[in-house]
Amino acid sequence: MQQHTTIQAELAAFLRKGGQTINQFAGISGVNSGTLSSIINGNRPIAMQQLDRITAGMGLPEGAFYELYIDECVVHSAPDWRRLGPFLHRCAELDKLECIRQVVQIIMDNITYAPLLYDTAEEFYGKGKLQAAALLYEGVADSEKYQHSERLAMCQYRLFTIRTGQSPEADFRAATRFEYFVDRLEEIDQLEALRQLADIYIRLQHWEKARLLAEGLHHKTSIQYEIRYYKTRKKKELRQASRPLCFYILYAYWLQSKVCEESGEYERALEYVSLYSEMNWIVEKSEEVQQIREQFSRLGLVYASLYRLMCGELELLPEVVEYIGTPELGMLDGLLKAVQAANRYGWEVDGLISRFQPLLAPESAAFGQEEGTSGREKETPDLYPVLFYELAVYSFKAEKAGQAEQRLEQGLHYLFGSLEASAALGSTACVIRCVRLFEQFRPHASAEDRDRYKRLINKVQLAHTGAKRTIESLRE
């Protein structure tokens, strides 16, 4: 097909080649013969439905003429939304994203199209046509980038939700790009947006960011709660948030407890647990609210026991062990916390480790592919290097009479497991701790163990060149 051709010329050539009359093709395509005649003679623009019927009548794939349609109806004539709207919908259905991109680039010189494109993007988003919607949101956002508009903020919010979930790097880029626009959203929409941002920063272990977002979420939700349930006079009908307001307040407390947990402030974390466990202030009543109350009640029971254990209450260990692998406390996370507590207070937890030994076998662990017994979502693989390191520390410390050699062997086994997982997952910080730990016990390691350690360190250095200089400095 030549670049200078037109749809009318292609149709006319098709009829001549096949020896068909306009009336015959009208019967095949379902397009009125008078309409076909006007189209061929250039007296009538082609509607979207007519274009698809003509394409099918010619035996061509769906969308075969869409690039030509853009040239004729968008580039060389004044764009008419009555044709553009259906055209964009068909492009989304056929996943012809490049056609959508071309249309957006052409028509967004005229900012009056922004509301129409935004509404279409919302339709695509609601139907799950996310990539098509993203192209429209990007076009609208670019056209309004110098305006302090709520529509611009909502475009950025939609793009944020579309771009997350692909990789940690993509999540971080999307979060940092969107964070600037959160305060421009309508107040009620900010709550879910803050929750989603905090979720990402928790997963990425940006704890200070998560703490600030949790504080903001609690503050904004408390205001909304006051307006909705305690203010007697309301100026207008209030929109509902994505979830009951009580959820966001409880969730903010939970986030703050997790931030305290990460920094080792377990007593302070217990204070936040008490805040999301005490729910007498909740005035909402619905089945969803009841489920939320039950969810945070279970979380309160589990984490109160866990944090008390981390504060040194050994008698809580059996209770925590029963929670390991539940939806509230994952298998890896629960086991890691128990071993950390044992290392912190010098407890003996051989029975606990034996109970979960199948989880620690390399062929079972697969660095993050193990599921909790409750069927919860797969846990972060970043826990494996840390868990194996803590087990190595425990084995080296827990030397008993007549078991020094066995403990050394176990400790080296776990330390090598930590290095393997670190090499696979890029846990440079854990590699450094492993190097320091091995150097303490190098004199007691066999020649075979030293050779294995050397091979693992070389593997880590090849995979993560940034760690090479640090490791070499630790060896000196």
Protein backbone atom coordinates (compact mmCIF):
# COMPACT_ATOMS: atom_id res chain seq x y z
CA MET A 1 0.00 0.00 0.00
CA GLN A 2 1.50 3.31 -1.05
CA GLN A 3 1.75 6.13 1.46
CA HIS A 4 -0.11 8.62 -0.76
CA THR A 5 -3.11 6.35 -1.22
CA THR A 6 -6.50 6.96 0.37
CA ILE A 7 -9.24 4.70 1.66
CA GLN A 8 -11.49 5.86 -1.21
CA ALA A 9 -8.78 4.98 -3.75
CA GLU A 10 -8.21 1.57 -2.15
CA LEU A 11 -11.92 0.80 -2.23
CA ALA A 12 -12.30 1.92 -5.85
CA ALA A 13 -9.29 -0.16 -6.90
CA PHE A 14 -10.70 -3.18 -5.06
CA LEU A 15 -14.02 -2.91 -6.91
CA ARG A 16 -12.32 -2.55 -10.30
CA LYS A 17 -10.02 -5.48 -9.68
CA GLY A 18 -12.84 -7.74 -8.56
CA GLY A 19 -15.25 -6.53 -11.23
CA GLN A 20 -17.82 -5.63 -8.59
CA THR A 21 -20.39 -2.89 -8.77
CA ILE A 22 -21.14 -0.58 -5.88
CA ASN A 23 -24.51 -2.29 -5.43
CA GLN A 24 -22.87 -5.72 -5.24
CA PHE A 25 -20.36 -4.52 -2.65
CA ALA A 26 -23.15 -2.83 -0.71
CA GLY A 27 -24.80 -6.24 -0.33
CA ILE A 28 -21.53 -7.78 0.86
CA SER A 29 -20.46 -5.01 3.26
CA GLY A 30 -23.85 -3.90 4.56
CA VAL A 31 -23.10 -0.25 3.70
CA ASN A 32 -25.75 1.61 1.71
CA SER A 33 -24.83 1.94 -1.99
CA GLY A 34 -25.52 5.68 -1.99
CA THR A 35 -23.20 6.09 0.99
CA LEU A 36 -20.51 4.04 -0.76
CA SER A 37 -20.81 6.19 -3.88
CA SER A 38 -20.46 9.39 -1.84
CA ILE A 39 -17.41 7.97 -0.02
CA ILE A 40 -15.66 6.94 -3.26
CA ASN A 41 -16.33 10.34 -4.82
CA GLY A 42 -14.97 12.10 -1.72
CA ASN A 43 -18.27 13.77 -0.93
CA ARG A 44 -18.80 12.14 2.46
CA PRO A 45 -16.49 11.39 5.40
CA ILE A 46 -16.34 7.78 6.54
CA ALA A 47 -17.95 6.91 9.86
CA MET A 48 -16.22 4.36 12.10
CA GLN A 49 -18.86 1.68 11.67
CA GLN A 50 -18.80 2.13 7.88
CA LEU A 51 -15.00 1.83 7.82
CA ASP A 52 -15.08 -1.49 9.70
CA ARG A 53 -17.79 -2.86 7.39
CA ILE A 54 -15.89 -1.80 4.27
CA THR A 55 -12.68 -3.36 5.62
CA ALA A 56 -14.49 -6.65 6.38
CA GLY A 57 -16.19 -6.58 2.94
CA MET A 58 -12.77 -6.29 1.30
CA GLY A 59 -11.58 -9.33 3.28
CA LEU A 60 -8.91 -7.35 5.15
CA PRO A 61 -7.92 -7.65 8.84
CA GLU A 62 -9.72 -5.44 11.33
CA GLY A 63 -8.09 -2.03 11.56
CA ALA A 64 -6.23 -2.38 8.26
CA PHE A 65 -7.15 1.17 7.23
CA TYR A 66 -6.80 2.86 10.61
CA GLU A 67 -3.50 4.60 9.81
CA LEU A 68 -5.05 5.98 6.61
CA TYR A 69 -8.12 7.01 8.57
CA ILE A 70 -5.94 9.11 10.89
CA ASP A 71 -4.32 10.79 7.89
CA GLU A 72 -7.63 11.60 6.23
CA CYS A 73 -9.89 12.41 9.19
CA VAL A 74 -7.45 13.88 11.71
CA VAL A 75 -4.41 15.26 9.88
CA HIS A 76 -5.96 16.63 6.68
CA SER A 77 -9.36 17.66 8.00
CA ALA A 78 -10.79 19.24 11.11
CA PRO A 79 -11.10 16.46 13.74
CA ASP A 80 -14.73 15.65 14.52
CA TRP A 81 -15.26 14.02 17.92
CA ARG A 82 -18.29 12.16 16.57
CA ARG A 83 -15.80 10.15 14.50
CA LEU A 84 -12.77 10.37 16.80
CA GLY A 85 -14.53 9.01 19.89
CA PRO A 86 -15.68 5.76 18.22
CA PHE A 87 -12.30 5.49 16.48
CA LEU A 88 -10.41 5.61 19.79
CA HIS A 89 -12.74 2.99 21.27
CA ARG A 90 -12.14 0.65 18.33
CA CYS A 91 -8.37 1.18 18.58
CA ALA A 92 -8.54 0.25 22.27
CA GLU A 93 -10.58 -2.87 21.48
CA LEU A 94 -8.06 -3.95 18.82
CA ASP A 95 -5.06 -2.92 20.96
CA LYS A 96 -3.83 -0.54 18.24
CA LEU A 97 -1.96 1.63 20.71
CA GLU A 98 0.21 3.39 18.15
CA CYS A 99 -2.91 4.74 16.42
CA ILE A 100 -4.16 6.09 19.77
CA ARG A 101 -0.78 7.71 20.41
CA GLN A 102 -0.82 9.42 17.00
CA VAL A 103 -4.33 10.81 17.49
CA VAL A 104 -3.51 12.15 20.94
CA GLN A 105 -0.35 13.86 19.70
CA ILE A 106 -2.26 15.54 16.88
CA ILE A 107 -5.39 16.76 18.65
CA MET A 108 -3.90 17.85 21.98
CA ASP A 109 -2.62 21.03 20.40
CA ASN A 110 -6.23 22.04 21.02
CA ILE A 111 -6.78 21.96 24.79
CA THR A 112 -10.56 21.86 24.36
CA TYR A 113 -10.22 18.13 23.66
CA ALA A 114 -8.82 17.50 27.17
CA PRO A 115 -12.21 16.88 28.88
CA LEU A 116 -13.32 14.52 26.09
CA LEU A 117 -10.07 12.56 26.18
CA TYR A 118 -10.18 12.37 29.96
CA ASP A 119 -13.71 10.99 29.97
CA THR A 120 -12.72 8.42 27.34
CA ALA A 121 -9.66 7.47 29.39
CA GLU A 122 -11.91 6.89 32.40
CA GLU A 123 -14.09 4.57 30.28
CA PHE A 124 -11.03 2.62 29.15
CA TYR A 125 -9.73 2.44 32.72
CA GLY A 126 -13.05 1.10 33.96
CA LYS A 127 -13.03 -1.60 31.26
CA GLY A 128 -9.46 -2.67 32.04
CA LYS A 129 -7.97 -1.19 28.84
CA LEU A 130 -5.13 0.21 30.91
CA GLN A 131 -2.47 0.83 28.27
CA ALA A 132 -4.92 2.60 26.01
CA ALA A 133 -6.14 4.64 28.98
CA ALA A 134 -2.55 5.53 29.92
CA LEU A 135 -1.94 7.10 26.51
CA LEU A 136 -4.96 9.35 26.93
CA TYR A 137 -4.09 10.25 30.53
CA GLU A 138 -0.55 11.15 29.43
CA GLY A 139 -1.91 13.40 26.68
CA VAL A 140 -4.29 15.21 29.01
CA ALA A 141 -1.65 15.56 31.74
CA ASP A 142 0.87 16.98 29.28
CA SER A 143 -1.65 19.53 27.98
CA GLU A 144 -2.49 20.68 31.52
CA LYS A 145 0.97 20.41 33.13
CA TYR A 146 1.08 24.14 33.87
CA GLN A 147 -2.36 24.16 35.48
CA HIS A 148 -3.13 23.40 39.11
CA SER A 149 -6.15 21.28 38.16
CA GLU A 150 -7.82 18.36 39.86
CA ARG A 151 -8.10 16.65 36.47
CA LEU A 152 -4.31 16.78 36.09
CA ALA A 153 -3.92 15.22 39.55
CA MET A 154 -6.41 12.47 38.72
CA CYS A 155 -4.56 11.71 35.47
CA GLN A 156 -1.34 11.33 37.44
CA TYR A 157 -3.14 9.13 39.98
CA ARG A 158 -4.44 6.83 37.25
CA LEU A 159 -1.00 6.66 35.65
CA PHE A 160 0.47 5.80 39.04
CA THR A 161 -1.90 2.86 39.50
CA ILE A 162 -1.26 1.63 35.94
CA ARG A 163 2.53 1.83 36.21
CA THR A 164 2.94 0.03 39.55
CA GLY A 165 3.28 -3.71 40.06
CA GLN A 166 5.85 -4.38 37.33
CA SER A 167 9.13 -4.12 39.27
CA PRO A 168 10.50 -2.39 42.40
CA GLU A 169 12.27 0.15 40.18
CA ALA A 170 9.09 0.95 38.25
CA ASP A 171 7.13 1.19 41.51
CA PHE A 172 9.64 3.67 42.95
CA ARG A 173 9.59 5.83 39.81
CA ALA A 174 5.79 5.86 39.72
CA ALA A 175 5.51 6.67 43.43
CA THR A 176 8.00 9.54 43.39
CA ARG A 177 6.39 11.00 40.26
CA PHE A 178 2.88 10.85 41.69
CA GLU A 179 3.65 11.96 45.25
CA TYR A 180 3.79 15.61 44.15
CA PHE A 181 0.17 15.49 42.95
CA VAL A 182 -1.55 13.80 45.92
CA ASP A 183 -2.58 17.02 47.63
CA ARG A 184 -4.24 18.22 44.42
CA LEU A 185 -6.75 15.37 44.47
CA GLU A 186 -10.16 15.83 46.02
CA GLU A 187 -9.84 15.26 49.77
CA ILE A 188 -11.74 11.98 49.78
CA ASP A 189 -9.61 10.56 46.94
CA GLN A 190 -6.42 11.41 48.78
CA LEU A 191 -7.05 8.71 51.37
CA GLU A 192 -6.77 5.71 49.05
CA ALA A 193 -3.93 7.39 47.16
CA LEU A 194 -1.94 7.85 50.38
CA ARG A 195 -2.58 4.23 51.33
CA GLN A 196 -1.31 2.99 47.98
CA LEU A 197 1.79 5.18 48.18
CA ALA A 198 2.52 3.98 51.71
CA ASP A 199 2.14 0.37 50.61
CA ILE A 200 4.79 0.85 47.95
CA TYR A 201 7.23 2.58 50.27
CA ILE A 202 6.73 -0.16 52.89
CA ARG A 203 7.51 -2.82 50.26
CA LEU A 204 10.56 -0.86 49.12
CA GLN A 205 11.63 -0.38 52.76
CA HIS A 206 11.59 3.41 52.56
CA TRP A 207 10.52 3.61 56.17
CA GLU A 208 10.70 7.36 56.73
CA LYS A 209 8.52 7.95 53.66
CA ALA A 210 6.06 5.39 54.95
CA ARG A 211 5.97 7.05 58.37
CA LEU A 212 5.22 10.49 56.92
CA LEU A 213 2.49 9.07 54.68
CA ALA A 214 0.95 7.21 57.63
CA GLU A 215 0.82 10.43 59.63
CA GLY A 216 -0.73 12.27 56.70
CA LEU A 217 -3.28 9.51 56.17
CA HIS A 218 -4.31 9.57 59.82
CA HIS A 219 -4.61 13.36 59.88
CA LYS A 220 -6.67 13.65 56.70
CA THR A 221 -8.95 10.73 57.57
CA SER A 222 -9.59 12.07 61.07
CA ILE A 223 -10.78 15.34 59.55
CA GLN A 224 -13.08 13.50 57.16
CA TYR A 225 -14.39 11.38 60.01
CA GLU A 226 -15.19 14.46 62.06
CA ILE A 227 -16.98 16.15 59.15
CA ARG A 228 -19.00 13.09 58.21
CA TYR A 229 -20.03 11.69 61.58
CA TYR A 230 -19.78 14.46 64.15
CA LYS A 231 -20.47 17.73 62.34
CA THR A 232 -24.19 18.41 62.66
CA ARG A 233 -24.51 20.77 59.69
CA LYS A 234 -23.14 19.72 56.32
CA LYS A 235 -23.05 22.10 53.39
CA LYS A 236 -23.31 19.42 50.73
CA GLU A 237 -23.71 15.70 50.15
CA LEU A 238 -20.40 14.02 50.92
CA ARG A 239 -18.76 11.50 48.56
CA GLN A 240 -17.86 8.09 49.88
CA ALA A 241 -14.24 6.99 50.00
CA SER A 242 -13.10 3.76 48.35
CA ARG A 243 -13.31 2.06 51.76
CA PRO A 244 -15.00 2.91 55.06
CA LEU A 245 -13.17 5.79 56.76
CA CYS A 246 -12.41 3.72 59.85
CA PHE A 247 -10.20 1.48 57.70
CA TYR A 248 -7.81 4.31 56.85
CA ILE A 249 -7.42 5.36 60.48
CA LEU A 250 -6.74 1.79 61.60
CA TYR A 251 -4.42 1.24 58.66
CA ALA A 252 -2.44 4.39 59.51
CA TYR A 253 -1.88 3.01 63.03
CA TRP A 254 -0.81 -0.34 61.56
CA LEU A 255 1.65 1.39 59.21
CA GLN A 256 3.19 3.31 62.10
CA SER A 257 3.57 0.08 64.10
CA LYS A 258 5.43 -1.51 61.16
CA VAL A 259 7.78 1.48 60.94
CA CYS A 260 8.53 1.15 64.66
CA GLU A 261 9.05 -2.60 64.21
CA GLU A 262 11.65 -2.00 61.52
CA SER A 263 13.62 0.37 63.75
CA GLY A 264 13.45 -2.06 66.70
CA GLU A 265 11.15 0.20 68.76
CA TYR A 266 8.90 -2.65 69.87
CA GLU A 267 7.45 -0.95 72.93
CA ARG A 268 6.34 1.99 70.80
CA ALA A 269 5.01 -0.44 68.19
CA LEU A 270 2.86 -1.98 70.95
CA GLU A 271 1.31 1.44 71.57
CA TYR A 272 0.16 1.59 67.96
CA VAL A 273 -1.14 -1.98 68.20
CA SER A 274 -3.32 -0.91 71.11
CA LEU A 275 -4.61 2.00 69.01
CA TYR A 276 -5.75 -0.19 66.10
CA SER A 277 -7.03 -2.87 68.47
CA GLU A 278 -9.30 -0.44 70.35
CA MET A 279 -12.26 0.23 68.05
CA ASN A 280 -15.02 1.53 70.31
CA TRP A 281 -14.86 4.89 68.51
CA ILE A 282 -16.06 3.41 65.20
CA VAL A 283 -19.60 4.57 64.40
CA GLU A 284 -19.96 3.05 60.92
CA LYS A 285 -22.09 -0.06 60.66
CA SER A 286 -21.98 -2.37 57.67
CA GLU A 287 -20.82 -5.84 56.76
CA GLU A 288 -17.60 -4.39 55.33
CA VAL A 289 -16.95 -2.46 58.55
CA GLN A 290 -17.49 -5.63 60.57
CA GLN A 291 -14.92 -7.42 58.41
CA ILE A 292 -12.48 -4.55 58.94
CA ARG A 293 -12.97 -4.74 62.71
CA GLU A 294 -12.32 -8.49 62.66
CA GLN A 295 -9.25 -8.06 60.45
CA PHE A 296 -7.59 -5.52 62.73
CA SER A 297 -8.65 -7.42 65.84
CA ARG A 298 -6.74 -10.46 64.54
CA LEU A 299 -3.76 -8.28 63.62
CA GLY A 300 -3.81 -6.81 67.13
CA LEU A 301 -3.70 -10.23 68.78
CA VAL A 302 -0.85 -11.45 66.59
CA TYR A 303 1.35 -8.38 66.72
CA ALA A 304 0.80 -7.73 70.42
CA SER A 305 2.21 -11.20 71.07
CA LEU A 306 5.01 -10.75 68.54
CA TYR A 307 6.17 -7.39 69.88
CA ARG A 308 6.00 -8.57 73.48
CA LEU A 309 8.19 -11.50 72.44
CA MET A 310 10.62 -9.06 70.82
CA CYS A 311 10.64 -7.12 74.11
CA GLY A 312 11.93 -10.23 75.90
CA GLU A 313 8.82 -12.11 77.09
CA LEU A 314 9.91 -15.68 76.32
CA GLU A 315 6.59 -17.10 77.56
CA LEU A 316 4.96 -15.65 74.40
CA LEU A 317 7.07 -17.86 72.09
CA PRO A 318 4.58 -20.80 71.86
CA GLU A 319 1.78 -18.36 71.04
CA VAL A 320 3.83 -16.64 68.33
CA VAL A 321 4.87 -19.99 66.85
CA GLU A 322 1.19 -20.84 66.34
CA TYR A 323 0.72 -17.56 64.47
CA ILE A 324 3.60 -18.25 62.07
CA GLY A 325 2.21 -18.94 58.60
CA THR A 326 -1.16 -17.27 59.23
CA PRO A 327 -2.47 -14.48 56.97
CA GLU A 328 -1.52 -11.98 59.68
CA LEU A 329 2.07 -13.21 60.19
CA GLY A 330 3.79 -14.83 57.24
CA MET A 331 5.88 -17.97 57.47
CA LEU A 332 9.21 -16.29 56.73
CA ASP A 333 8.54 -13.10 58.65
CA GLY A 334 7.34 -14.97 61.75
CA LEU A 335 10.28 -17.36 61.76
CA LEU A 336 12.72 -14.51 61.21
CA LYS A 337 11.34 -12.52 64.15
CA ALA A 338 11.46 -15.55 66.45
CA VAL A 339 15.12 -16.25 65.58
CA GLN A 340 16.01 -12.57 65.96
CA ALA A 341 14.46 -12.58 69.43
CA ALA A 342 16.43 -15.72 70.29
CA ASN A 343 19.67 -14.05 69.19
CA ARG A 344 18.80 -10.88 71.06
CA TYR A 345 18.12 -12.57 74.40
CA GLY A 346 20.21 -15.74 74.13
CA TRP A 347 17.25 -18.15 74.02
CA GLU A 348 17.42 -21.76 72.85
CA VAL A 349 14.98 -22.35 69.96
CA ASP A 350 16.30 -25.55 68.37
CA GLY A 351 12.81 -27.07 68.47
CA LEU A 352 11.35 -24.12 66.58
CA ILE A 353 14.03 -24.33 63.88
CA SER A 354 13.55 -28.08 63.52
CA ARG A 355 9.80 -27.58 63.12
CA PHE A 356 10.32 -25.27 60.14
CA GLN A 357 13.39 -26.99 58.71
CA PRO A 358 11.68 -27.98 55.41
CA LEU A 359 11.19 -24.27 54.70
CA LEU A 360 14.94 -23.72 55.00
CA ALA A 361 16.04 -26.31 52.45
CA PRO A 362 17.34 -24.55 49.29
CA GLU A 363 15.22 -26.73 47.02
CA SER A 364 12.10 -25.78 49.01
CA ALA A 365 12.90 -22.13 49.61
CA ALA A 366 13.77 -21.21 46.03
CA PHE A 367 14.52 -17.77 47.40
CA GLY A 368 11.05 -16.42 47.89
CA GLN A 369 8.75 -18.89 46.21
CA GLU A 370 7.45 -20.49 49.41
CA GLU A 371 3.83 -19.82 50.32
CA GLY A 372 2.44 -19.55 53.82
CA THR A 373 0.32 -22.43 55.06
CA SER A 374 -2.70 -20.16 54.98
CA GLY A 375 -2.44 -19.59 51.23
CA ARG A 376 -1.42 -15.97 51.68
CA GLU A 377 0.34 -14.18 48.83
CA LYS A 378 3.98 -15.07 48.27
CA GLU A 379 6.26 -13.26 50.67
CA THR A 380 9.09 -10.98 49.76
CA PRO A 381 12.20 -12.99 48.81
CA ASP A 382 14.34 -10.32 50.50
CA LEU A 383 13.61 -12.12 53.78
CA TYR A 384 15.65 -15.19 52.84
CA PRO A 385 19.15 -13.64 53.05
CA VAL A 386 18.31 -12.06 56.41
CA LEU A 387 16.68 -15.23 57.77
CA PHE A 388 19.67 -17.42 56.82
CA TYR A 389 22.05 -14.84 58.32
CA GLU A 390 20.15 -14.81 61.64
CA LEU A 391 20.17 -18.63 61.67
CA ALA A 392 23.93 -18.57 61.11
CA VAL A 393 24.35 -16.16 64.04
CA TYR A 394 22.16 -18.41 66.20
CA SER A 395 24.15 -21.53 65.29
CA PHE A 396 27.50 -19.91 66.04
CA LYS A 397 26.28 -18.53 69.37
CA ALA A 398 24.43 -21.59 70.62
CA GLU A 399 27.48 -23.78 71.14
CA LYS A 400 26.87 -26.63 73.56
CA ALA A 401 29.20 -29.11 75.15
CA GLY A 402 30.29 -31.66 72.60
CA GLN A 403 28.44 -29.90 69.76
CA ALA A 404 30.90 -27.17 68.77
CA GLU A 405 31.84 -28.84 65.49
CA GLN A 406 28.21 -29.54 64.59
CA ARG A 407 27.19 -25.95 65.40
CA LEU A 408 30.04 -24.58 63.31
CA GLU A 409 28.94 -26.74 60.38
CA GLN A 410 25.33 -25.57 60.77
CA GLY A 411 26.40 -21.93 61.05
CA LEU A 412 28.49 -22.11 57.88
CA HIS A 413 25.65 -23.89 56.08
CA TYR A 414 23.24 -21.05 56.87
CA LEU A 415 25.85 -18.37 56.16
CA PHE A 416 26.48 -19.84 52.72
CA GLY A 417 22.73 -19.98 52.18
CA SER A 418 22.53 -16.28 52.99
CA LEU A 419 25.28 -15.52 50.48
CA GLU A 420 23.55 -17.61 47.80
CA ALA A 421 20.27 -15.77 48.36
CA SER A 422 22.06 -12.42 48.49
CA ALA A 423 23.76 -13.09 45.17
CA ALA A 424 20.44 -14.04 43.60
CA LEU A 425 18.50 -11.10 45.03
CA GLY A 426 21.07 -8.33 45.25
CA SER A 427 21.07 -7.97 49.04
CA THR A 428 24.39 -6.12 49.33
CA ALA A 429 23.83 -5.09 52.95
CA CYS A 430 23.37 -8.73 53.97
CA VAL A 431 26.47 -9.74 52.02
CA ILE A 432 28.54 -7.30 54.08
CA ARG A 433 27.22 -8.76 57.34
CA CYS A 434 27.96 -12.28 56.09
CA VAL A 435 31.53 -11.33 55.20
CA ARG A 436 32.10 -9.89 58.67
CA LEU A 437 30.62 -12.99 60.29
CA PHE A 438 32.70 -15.42 58.23
CA GLU A 439 35.92 -13.56 58.96
CA GLN A 440 35.28 -14.13 62.69
CA PHE A 441 35.10 -17.89 62.15
CA ARG A 442 37.54 -18.28 59.24
CA PRO A 443 40.23 -19.89 61.46
CA HIS A 444 37.76 -22.67 62.33
CA ALA A 445 36.55 -23.27 58.76
CA SER A 446 37.86 -26.21 56.75
CA ALA A 447 39.74 -25.77 53.48
CA GLU A 448 36.65 -26.98 51.66
CA ASP A 449 34.48 -24.37 53.43
CA ARG A 450 36.97 -21.60 52.61
CA ASP A 451 36.95 -22.62 48.95
CA ARG A 452 33.16 -22.58 48.86
CA TYR A 453 33.10 -19.19 50.54
CA LYS A 454 35.54 -17.83 47.96
CA ARG A 455 33.38 -19.12 45.09
CA LEU A 456 30.26 -17.51 46.60
CA ILE A 457 32.01 -14.18 47.13
CA ASN A 458 33.17 -14.21 43.49
CA LYS A 459 29.59 -14.96 42.45
CA VAL A 460 28.32 -12.01 44.48
CA GLN A 461 30.99 -9.70 43.04
CA LEU A 462 30.16 -10.73 39.47
CA ALA A 463 26.45 -10.17 40.06
CA HIS A 464 26.84 -6.91 41.99
CA THR A 465 29.98 -4.99 41.10
CA GLY A 466 29.04 -2.23 43.55
CA ALA A 467 29.69 -4.61 46.45
CA LYS A 468 33.18 -5.59 45.29
CA ARG A 469 35.12 -2.70 46.83
CA THR A 470 33.29 -3.00 50.16
CA ILE A 471 33.95 -6.75 50.39
CA GLU A 472 37.64 -6.28 49.58
CA SER A 473 37.96 -3.64 52.30
CA LEU A 474 36.39 -6.00 54.85
CA ARG A 475 38.87 -8.74 53.94
CA GLU A 476 41.87 -6.49 54.60
